[in-house]
Amino acid sequence: MALNRKMIKQGIVVSDANDKTIVVRVLRQYIHPLYKKTVRRHKKFMAHDELNEAHVGDTVQIMESRPMSARKRWTLHKIVDRSK
């Protein structure tokens, strides 16, 4: 029995200009080991959106996938919240 162990990340769509591609900004927080202060870091991921469903401002989940292009290694898993 094969289990789906692909990583899922949640973030906000910052660009949907390219066809079938979205750019998702994923925020992560951690406690600094020395100063014990909360540090916020973000990273942008390019994700495959086959039906062009997601738009700028939407909160989405992206899932690991095979390489689709030089920088695209994620696919749109689901749209959590639509922007207003």
PDB file of N, CA and C in Angstrom:
ATOM      1  N   MET A   1       0.850  -1.184   0.000  1.00  0.00           N
ATOM      2  CA  MET A   1       0.000   0.000   0.000  1.00  0.00           C
ATOM      3  C   MET A   1       0.893   1.244   0.000  1.00  0.00           C
ATOM      4  N   ALA A   2       0.764   2.061  -1.013  1.00  0.00           N
ATOM      5  CA  ALA A   2       1.572   3.275  -1.134  1.00  0.00           C
ATOM      6  C   ALA A   2       0.826   4.455  -0.514  1.00  0.00           C
ATOM      7  N   LEU A   3       1.502   5.155   0.369  1.00  0.00           N
ATOM      8  CA  LEU A   3       0.922   6.337   0.990  1.00  0.00           C
ATOM      9  C   LEU A   3       1.450   7.578   0.299  1.00  0.00           C
ATOM     10  N   ASN A   4       0.609   8.596   0.229  1.00  0.00           N
ATOM     11  CA  ASN A   4       1.019   9.863  -0.362  1.00  0.00           C
ATOM     12  C   ASN A   4       1.783  10.669   0.681  1.00  0.00           C
ATOM     13  N   ARG A   5       3.083  10.716   0.553  1.00  0.00           N
ATOM     14  CA  ARG A   5       3.921  11.412   1.528  1.00  0.00           C
ATOM     15  C   ARG A   5       4.502  12.700   0.954  1.00  0.00           C
ATOM     16  N   LYS A   6       3.792  13.309   0.030  1.00  0.00           N
ATOM     17  CA  LYS A   6       4.277  14.539  -0.573  1.00  0.00           C
ATOM     18  C   LYS A   6       4.033  15.715   0.371  1.00  0.00           C
ATOM     19  N   MET A   7       4.978  16.630   0.396  1.00  0.00           N
ATOM     20  CA  MET A   7       4.887  17.791   1.273  1.00  0.00           C
ATOM     21  C   MET A   7       3.817  18.764   0.780  1.00  0.00           C
ATOM     22  N   ILE A   8       3.080  19.336   1.705  1.00  0.00           N
ATOM     23  CA  ILE A   8       2.067  20.337   1.382  1.00  0.00           C
ATOM     24  C   ILE A   8       2.402  21.617   2.136  1.00  0.00           C
ATOM     25  N   LYS A   9       2.378  22.740   1.427  1.00  0.00           N
ATOM     26  CA  LYS A   9       2.632  24.046   2.036  1.00  0.00           C
ATOM     27  C   LYS A   9       1.437  24.957   1.750  1.00  0.00           C
ATOM     28  N   GLN A  10       1.229  25.924   2.645  1.00  0.00           N
ATOM     29  CA  GLN A  10       0.125  26.868   2.477  1.00  0.00           C
ATOM     30  C   GLN A  10       0.686  28.277   2.365  1.00  0.00           C
ATOM     31  N   GLY A  11       0.121  29.054   1.438  1.00  0.00           N
ATOM     32  CA  GLY A  11       0.595  30.418   1.251  1.00  0.00           C
ATOM     33  C   GLY A  11      -0.401  31.253   0.475  1.00  0.00           C
ATOM     34  N   ILE A  12       0.016  32.443   0.105  1.00  0.00           N
ATOM     35  CA  ILE A  12      -0.835  33.405  -0.592  1.00  0.00           C
ATOM     36  C   ILE A  12      -0.300  33.597  -2.009  1.00  0.00           C
ATOM     37  N   VAL A  13      -1.202  33.601  -2.980  1.00  0.00           N
ATOM     38  CA  VAL A  13      -0.819  33.796  -4.377  1.00  0.00           C
ATOM     39  C   VAL A  13      -0.427  35.257  -4.578  1.00  0.00           C
ATOM     40  N   VAL A  14       0.795  35.475  -5.104  1.00  0.00           N
ATOM     41  CA  VAL A  14       1.262  36.839  -5.345  1.00  0.00           C
ATOM     42  C   VAL A  14       1.297  37.166  -6.831  1.00  0.00           C
ATOM     43  N   SER A  15       1.203  36.139  -7.692  1.00  0.00           N
ATOM     44  CA  SER A  15       1.182  36.383  -9.129  1.00  0.00           C
ATOM     45  C   SER A  15       0.474  35.231  -9.838  1.00  0.00           C
ATOM     46  N   ASP A  16      -0.351  35.608 -10.834  1.00  0.00           N
ATOM     47  CA  ASP A  16      -0.978  34.601 -11.681  1.00  0.00           C
ATOM     48  C   ASP A  16      -0.870  35.022 -13.147  1.00  0.00           C
ATOM     49  N   ALA A  17       0.152  35.807 -13.472  1.00  0.00           N
ATOM     50  CA  ALA A  17       0.309  36.382 -14.803  1.00  0.00           C
ATOM     51  C   ALA A  17       0.624  35.328 -15.865  1.00  0.00           C
ATOM     52  N   ASN A  18       1.414  34.317 -15.511  1.00  0.00           N
ATOM     53  CA  ASN A  18       1.791  33.291 -16.482  1.00  0.00           C
ATOM     54  C   ASN A  18       0.671  32.271 -16.660  1.00  0.00           C
ATOM     55  N   ASP A  19       0.577  31.689 -17.847  1.00  0.00           N
ATOM     56  CA  ASP A  19      -0.448  30.693 -18.135  1.00  0.00           C
ATOM     57  C   ASP A  19      -0.149  29.399 -17.386  1.00  0.00           C
ATOM     58  N   LYS A  20      -1.144  28.889 -16.662  1.00  0.00           N
ATOM     59  CA  LYS A  20      -1.072  27.636 -15.907  1.00  0.00           C
ATOM     60  C   LYS A  20      -0.010  27.651 -14.803  1.00  0.00           C
ATOM     61  N   THR A  21       0.370  28.837 -14.341  1.00  0.00           N
ATOM     62  CA  THR A  21       1.376  28.967 -13.287  1.00  0.00           C
ATOM     63  C   THR A  21       0.957  30.034 -12.290  1.00  0.00           C
ATOM     64  N   ILE A  22       1.171  29.737 -11.003  1.00  0.00           N
ATOM     65  CA  ILE A  22       0.981  30.741  -9.958  1.00  0.00           C
ATOM     66  C   ILE A  22       2.256  30.839  -9.143  1.00  0.00           C
ATOM     67  N   VAL A  23       2.473  31.983  -8.538  1.00  0.00           N
ATOM     68  CA  VAL A  23       3.595  32.170  -7.623  1.00  0.00           C
ATOM     69  C   VAL A  23       2.999  32.332  -6.233  1.00  0.00           C
ATOM     70  N   VAL A  24       3.431  31.467  -5.303  1.00  0.00           N
ATOM     71  CA  VAL A  24       2.865  31.416  -3.959  1.00  0.00           C
ATOM     72  C   VAL A  24       3.925  31.825  -2.956  1.00  0.00           C
ATOM     73  N   ARG A  25       3.572  32.768  -2.068  1.00  0.00           N
ATOM     74  CA  ARG A  25       4.473  33.234  -1.011  1.00  0.00           C
ATOM     75  C   ARG A  25       4.146  32.472   0.259  1.00  0.00           C
ATOM     76  N   VAL A  26       5.096  31.662   0.723  1.00  0.00           N
ATOM     77  CA  VAL A  26       4.906  30.831   1.916  1.00  0.00           C
ATOM     78  C   VAL A  26       5.679  31.450   3.074  1.00  0.00           C
ATOM     79  N   LEU A  27       4.980  31.707   4.163  1.00  0.00           N
ATOM     80  CA  LEU A  27       5.577  32.320   5.357  1.00  0.00           C
ATOM     81  C   LEU A  27       5.883  31.247   6.376  1.00  0.00           C
ATOM     82  N   ARG A  28       7.052  31.321   7.008  1.00  0.00           N
ATOM     83  CA  ARG A  28       7.357  30.409   8.106  1.00  0.00           C
ATOM     84  C   ARG A  28       7.898  31.231   9.273  1.00  0.00           C
ATOM     85  N   GLN A  29       7.558  30.795  10.469  1.00  0.00           N
ATOM     86  CA  GLN A  29       8.007  31.469  11.685  1.00  0.00           C
ATOM     87  C   GLN A  29       8.785  30.485  12.534  1.00  0.00           C
ATOM     88  N   TYR A  30       9.817  31.004  13.185  1.00  0.00           N
ATOM     89  CA  TYR A  30      10.562  30.173  14.118  1.00  0.00           C
ATOM     90  C   TYR A  30      11.126  31.055  15.213  1.00  0.00           C
ATOM     91  N   ILE A  31      11.506  30.455  16.310  1.00  0.00           N
ATOM     92  CA  ILE A  31      12.106  31.169  17.437  1.00  0.00           C
ATOM     93  C   ILE A  31      13.619  31.201  17.232  1.00  0.00           C
ATOM     94  N   HIS A  32      14.211  32.386  17.319  1.00  0.00           N
ATOM     95  CA  HIS A  32      15.660  32.516  17.172  1.00  0.00           C
ATOM     96  C   HIS A  32      16.341  31.771  18.318  1.00  0.00           C
ATOM     97  N   PRO A  33      17.331  30.927  18.016  1.00  0.00           N
ATOM     98  CA  PRO A  33      17.927  30.101  19.071  1.00  0.00           C
ATOM     99  C   PRO A  33      18.631  30.872  20.189  1.00  0.00           C
ATOM    100  N   LEU A  34      19.204  32.030  19.864  1.00  0.00           N
ATOM    101  CA  LEU A  34      19.919  32.797  20.879  1.00  0.00           C
ATOM    102  C   LEU A  34      19.038  33.864  21.524  1.00  0.00           C
ATOM    103  N   TYR A  35      18.323  34.640  20.708  1.00  0.00           N
ATOM    104  CA  TYR A  35      17.583  35.791  21.220  1.00  0.00           C
ATOM    105  C   TYR A  35      16.140  35.482  21.579  1.00  0.00           C
ATOM    106  N   LYS A  36      15.670  34.276  21.269  1.00  0.00           N
ATOM    107  CA  LYS A  36      14.318  33.825  21.640  1.00  0.00           C
ATOM    108  C   LYS A  36      13.213  34.722  21.080  1.00  0.00           C
ATOM    109  N   LYS A  37      13.504  35.384  19.984  1.00  0.00           N
ATOM    110  CA  LYS A  37      12.518  36.246  19.352  1.00  0.00           C
ATOM    111  C   LYS A  37      11.931  35.512  18.141  1.00  0.00           C
ATOM    112  N   THR A  38      10.655  35.757  17.865  1.00  0.00           N
ATOM    113  CA  THR A  38      10.018  35.151  16.709  1.00  0.00           C
ATOM    114  C   THR A  38      10.539  35.808  15.437  1.00  0.00           C
ATOM    115  N   VAL A  39      11.036  34.990  14.517  1.00  0.00           N
ATOM    116  CA  VAL A  39      11.576  35.473  13.259  1.00  0.00           C
ATOM    117  C   VAL A  39      10.655  35.007  12.148  1.00  0.00           C
ATOM    118  N   ARG A  40      10.291  35.930  11.240  1.00  0.00           N
ATOM    119  CA  ARG A  40       9.412  35.587  10.119  1.00  0.00           C
ATOM    120  C   ARG A  40      10.235  35.590   8.836  1.00  0.00           C
ATOM    121  N   ARG A  41      10.137  34.512   8.091  1.00  0.00           N
ATOM    122  CA  ARG A  41      10.824  34.390   6.806  1.00  0.00           C
ATOM    123  C   ARG A  41       9.808  33.950   5.757  1.00  0.00           C
ATOM    124  N   HIS A  42      10.011  34.362   4.530  1.00  0.00           N
ATOM    125  CA  HIS A  42       9.121  33.913   3.464  1.00  0.00           C
ATOM    126  C   HIS A  42       9.939  33.461   2.262  1.00  0.00           C
ATOM    127  N   LYS A  43       9.295  32.628   1.449  1.00  0.00           N
ATOM    128  CA  LYS A  43       9.914  32.131   0.232  1.00  0.00           C
ATOM    129  C   LYS A  43       8.825  32.009  -0.822  1.00  0.00           C
ATOM    130  N   LYS A  44       9.189  32.244  -2.074  1.00  0.00           N
ATOM    131  CA  LYS A  44       8.216  32.155  -3.156  1.00  0.00           C
ATOM    132  C   LYS A  44       8.421  30.856  -3.929  1.00  0.00           C
ATOM    133  N   PHE A  45       7.318  30.175  -4.203  1.00  0.00           N
ATOM    134  CA  PHE A  45       7.337  28.939  -4.958  1.00  0.00           C
ATOM    135  C   PHE A  45       6.479  29.105  -6.203  1.00  0.00           C
ATOM    136  N   MET A  46       6.948  28.569  -7.324  1.00  0.00           N
ATOM    137  CA  MET A  46       6.140  28.533  -8.544  1.00  0.00           C
ATOM    138  C   MET A  46       5.391  27.207  -8.551  1.00  0.00           C
ATOM    139  N   ALA A  47       4.090  27.276  -8.820  1.00  0.00           N
ATOM    140  CA  ALA A  47       3.254  26.081  -8.785  1.00  0.00           C
ATOM    141  C   ALA A  47       2.422  25.973 -10.054  1.00  0.00           C
ATOM    142  N   HIS A  48       2.142  24.743 -10.448  1.00  0.00           N
ATOM    143  CA  HIS A  48       1.358  24.471 -11.655  1.00  0.00           C
ATOM    144  C   HIS A  48      -0.129  24.564 -11.318  1.00  0.00           C
ATOM    145  N   ASP A  49      -0.855  25.365 -12.076  1.00  0.00           N
ATOM    146  CA  ASP A  49      -2.303  25.546 -11.907  1.00  0.00           C
ATOM    147  C   ASP A  49      -2.952  25.264 -13.262  1.00  0.00           C
ATOM    148  N   GLU A  50      -3.296  24.007 -13.510  1.00  0.00           N
ATOM    149  CA  GLU A  50      -3.758  23.547 -14.821  1.00  0.00           C
ATOM    150  C   GLU A  50      -4.958  24.324 -15.345  1.00  0.00           C
ATOM    151  N   LEU A  51      -5.936  24.637 -14.482  1.00  0.00           N
ATOM    152  CA  LEU A  51      -7.171  25.275 -14.919  1.00  0.00           C
ATOM    153  C   LEU A  51      -7.197  26.789 -14.693  1.00  0.00           C
ATOM    154  N   ASN A  52      -6.085  27.375 -14.286  1.00  0.00           N
ATOM    155  CA  ASN A  52      -5.999  28.809 -13.982  1.00  0.00           C
ATOM    156  C   ASN A  52      -7.084  29.226 -12.984  1.00  0.00           C
ATOM    157  N   GLU A  53      -7.255  28.439 -11.925  1.00  0.00           N
ATOM    158  CA  GLU A  53      -8.303  28.691 -10.923  1.00  0.00           C
ATOM    159  C   GLU A  53      -7.921  29.760  -9.911  1.00  0.00           C
ATOM    160  N   ALA A  54      -6.672  29.755  -9.473  1.00  0.00           N
ATOM    161  CA  ALA A  54      -6.237  30.642  -8.392  1.00  0.00           C
ATOM    162  C   ALA A  54      -5.893  32.030  -8.936  1.00  0.00           C
ATOM    163  N   HIS A  55      -6.178  33.043  -8.119  1.00  0.00           N
ATOM    164  CA  HIS A  55      -5.890  34.421  -8.494  1.00  0.00           C
ATOM    165  C   HIS A  55      -5.143  35.115  -7.368  1.00  0.00           C
ATOM    166  N   VAL A  56      -4.602  36.289  -7.646  1.00  0.00           N
ATOM    167  CA  VAL A  56      -3.804  37.036  -6.671  1.00  0.00           C
ATOM    168  C   VAL A  56      -4.623  37.286  -5.405  1.00  0.00           C
ATOM    169  N   GLY A  57      -4.024  36.992  -4.255  1.00  0.00           N
ATOM    170  CA  GLY A  57      -4.672  37.208  -2.971  1.00  0.00           C
ATOM    171  C   GLY A  57      -5.313  35.964  -2.387  1.00  0.00           C
ATOM    172  N   ASP A  58      -5.506  34.921  -3.187  1.00  0.00           N
ATOM    173  CA  ASP A  58      -6.101  33.681  -2.686  1.00  0.00           C
ATOM    174  C   ASP A  58      -5.124  32.954  -1.772  1.00  0.00           C
ATOM    175  N   THR A  59      -5.653  32.331  -0.723  1.00  0.00           N
ATOM    176  CA  THR A  59      -4.858  31.459   0.123  1.00  0.00           C
ATOM    177  C   THR A  59      -4.996  30.044  -0.432  1.00  0.00           C
ATOM    178  N   VAL A  60      -3.858  29.416  -0.748  1.00  0.00           N
ATOM    179  CA  VAL A  60      -3.878  28.108  -1.400  1.00  0.00           C
ATOM    180  C   VAL A  60      -2.937  27.134  -0.703  1.00  0.00           C
ATOM    181  N   GLN A  61      -3.148  25.852  -0.994  1.00  0.00           N
ATOM    182  CA  GLN A  61      -2.212  24.814  -0.575  1.00  0.00           C
ATOM    183  C   GLN A  61      -1.557  24.269  -1.832  1.00  0.00           C
ATOM    184  N   ILE A  62      -0.229  24.105  -1.781  1.00  0.00           N
ATOM    185  CA  ILE A  62       0.502  23.535  -2.902  1.00  0.00           C
ATOM    186  C   ILE A  62       1.157  22.237  -2.456  1.00  0.00           C
ATOM    187  N   MET A  63       1.310  21.309  -3.397  1.00  0.00           N
ATOM    188  CA  MET A  63       1.846  19.992  -3.082  1.00  0.00           C
ATOM    189  C   MET A  63       3.048  19.698  -3.980  1.00  0.00           C
ATOM    190  N   GLU A  64       4.026  19.010  -3.419  1.00  0.00           N
ATOM    191  CA  GLU A  64       5.204  18.595  -4.173  1.00  0.00           C
ATOM    192  C   GLU A  64       4.795  17.782  -5.395  1.00  0.00           C
ATOM    193  N   SER A  65       5.536  17.948  -6.482  1.00  0.00           N
ATOM    194  CA  SER A  65       5.257  17.138  -7.667  1.00  0.00           C
ATOM    195  C   SER A  65       6.544  16.948  -8.459  1.00  0.00           C
ATOM    196  N   ARG A  66       6.404  16.282  -9.586  1.00  0.00           N
ATOM    197  CA  ARG A  66       7.557  16.111 -10.466  1.00  0.00           C
ATOM    198  C   ARG A  66       7.919  17.472 -11.066  1.00  0.00           C
ATOM    199  N   PRO A  67       9.136  17.654 -11.539  1.00  0.00           N
ATOM    200  CA  PRO A  67       9.506  18.921 -12.168  1.00  0.00           C
ATOM    201  C   PRO A  67       8.674  19.190 -13.423  1.00  0.00           C
ATOM    202  N   MET A  68       7.996  20.338 -13.445  1.00  0.00           N
ATOM    203  CA  MET A  68       7.192  20.726 -14.599  1.00  0.00           C
ATOM    204  C   MET A  68       7.999  21.616 -15.548  1.00  0.00           C
ATOM    205  N   SER A  69       8.935  22.363 -14.999  1.00  0.00           N
ATOM    206  CA  SER A  69       9.814  23.225 -15.794  1.00  0.00           C
ATOM    207  C   SER A  69      11.068  23.467 -14.959  1.00  0.00           C
ATOM    208  N   ALA A  70      11.866  24.430 -15.374  1.00  0.00           N
ATOM    209  CA  ALA A  70      13.131  24.687 -14.695  1.00  0.00           C
ATOM    210  C   ALA A  70      12.944  25.083 -13.228  1.00  0.00           C
ATOM    211  N   ARG A  71      11.860  25.836 -12.922  1.00  0.00           N
ATOM    212  CA  ARG A  71      11.660  26.308 -11.542  1.00  0.00           C
ATOM    213  C   ARG A  71      10.354  25.833 -10.920  1.00  0.00           C
ATOM    214  N   LYS A  72       9.549  25.099 -11.652  1.00  0.00           N
ATOM    215  CA  LYS A  72       8.225  24.690 -11.176  1.00  0.00           C
ATOM    216  C   LYS A  72       8.259  23.247 -10.704  1.00  0.00           C
ATOM    217  N   ARG A  73       8.169  23.043  -9.363  1.00  0.00           N
ATOM    218  CA  ARG A  73       8.194  21.701  -8.778  1.00  0.00           C
ATOM    219  C   ARG A  73       7.013  21.457  -7.843  1.00  0.00           C
ATOM    220  N   TRP A  74       6.006  22.299  -7.922  1.00  0.00           N
ATOM    221  CA  TRP A  74       4.837  22.201  -7.052  1.00  0.00           C
ATOM    222  C   TRP A  74       3.575  22.294  -7.908  1.00  0.00           C
ATOM    223  N   THR A  75       2.468  21.730  -7.400  1.00  0.00           N
ATOM    224  CA  THR A  75       1.177  21.858  -8.073  1.00  0.00           C
ATOM    225  C   THR A  75       0.153  22.396  -7.086  1.00  0.00           C
ATOM    226  N   LEU A  76      -0.865  23.037  -7.608  1.00  0.00           N
ATOM    227  CA  LEU A  76      -1.949  23.539  -6.770  1.00  0.00           C
ATOM    228  C   LEU A  76      -2.719  22.354  -6.201  1.00  0.00           C
ATOM    229  N   HIS A  77      -2.808  22.271  -4.878  1.00  0.00           N
ATOM    230  CA  HIS A  77      -3.522  21.177  -4.224  1.00  0.00           C
ATOM    231  C   HIS A  77      -4.985  21.551  -4.012  1.00  0.00           C
ATOM    232  N   LYS A  78      -5.209  22.709  -3.352  1.00  0.00           N
ATOM    233  CA  LYS A  78      -6.571  23.211  -3.208  1.00  0.00           C
ATOM    234  C   LYS A  78      -6.542  24.682  -2.832  1.00  0.00           C
ATOM    235  N   ILE A  79      -7.672  25.342  -3.087  1.00  0.00           N
ATOM    236  CA  ILE A  79      -7.830  26.753  -2.729  1.00  0.00           C
ATOM    237  C   ILE A  79      -8.517  26.790  -1.376  1.00  0.00           C
ATOM    238  N   VAL A  80      -7.851  27.339  -0.377  1.00  0.00           N
ATOM    239  CA  VAL A  80      -8.374  27.379   0.979  1.00  0.00           C
ATOM    240  C   VAL A  80      -9.357  28.531   1.140  1.00  0.00           C
ATOM    241  N   ASP A  81      -8.972  29.722   0.638  1.00  0.00           N
ATOM    242  CA  ASP A  81      -9.792  30.917   0.821  1.00  0.00           C
ATOM    243  C   ASP A  81      -9.632  31.829  -0.387  1.00  0.00           C
ATOM    244  N   ARG A  82     -10.730  32.323  -0.902  1.00  0.00           N
ATOM    245  CA  ARG A  82     -10.693  33.253  -2.028  1.00  0.00           C
ATOM    246  C   ARG A  82     -10.487  34.678  -1.524  1.00  0.00           C
ATOM    247  N   SER A  83      -9.792  35.488  -2.336  1.00  0.00           N
ATOM    248  CA  SER A  83      -9.641  36.898  -1.967  1.00  0.00           C
ATOM    249  C   SER A  83     -10.931  37.644  -2.299  1.00  0.00           C
ATOM    250  N   LYS A  84     -11.111  38.766  -1.633  1.00  0.00           N
ATOM    251  CA  LYS A  84     -12.346  39.538  -1.837  1.00  0.00           C
ATOM    252  C   LYS A  84     -12.227  40.519  -2.965  1.00  0.00           C
TER     253      LYS A  84
END
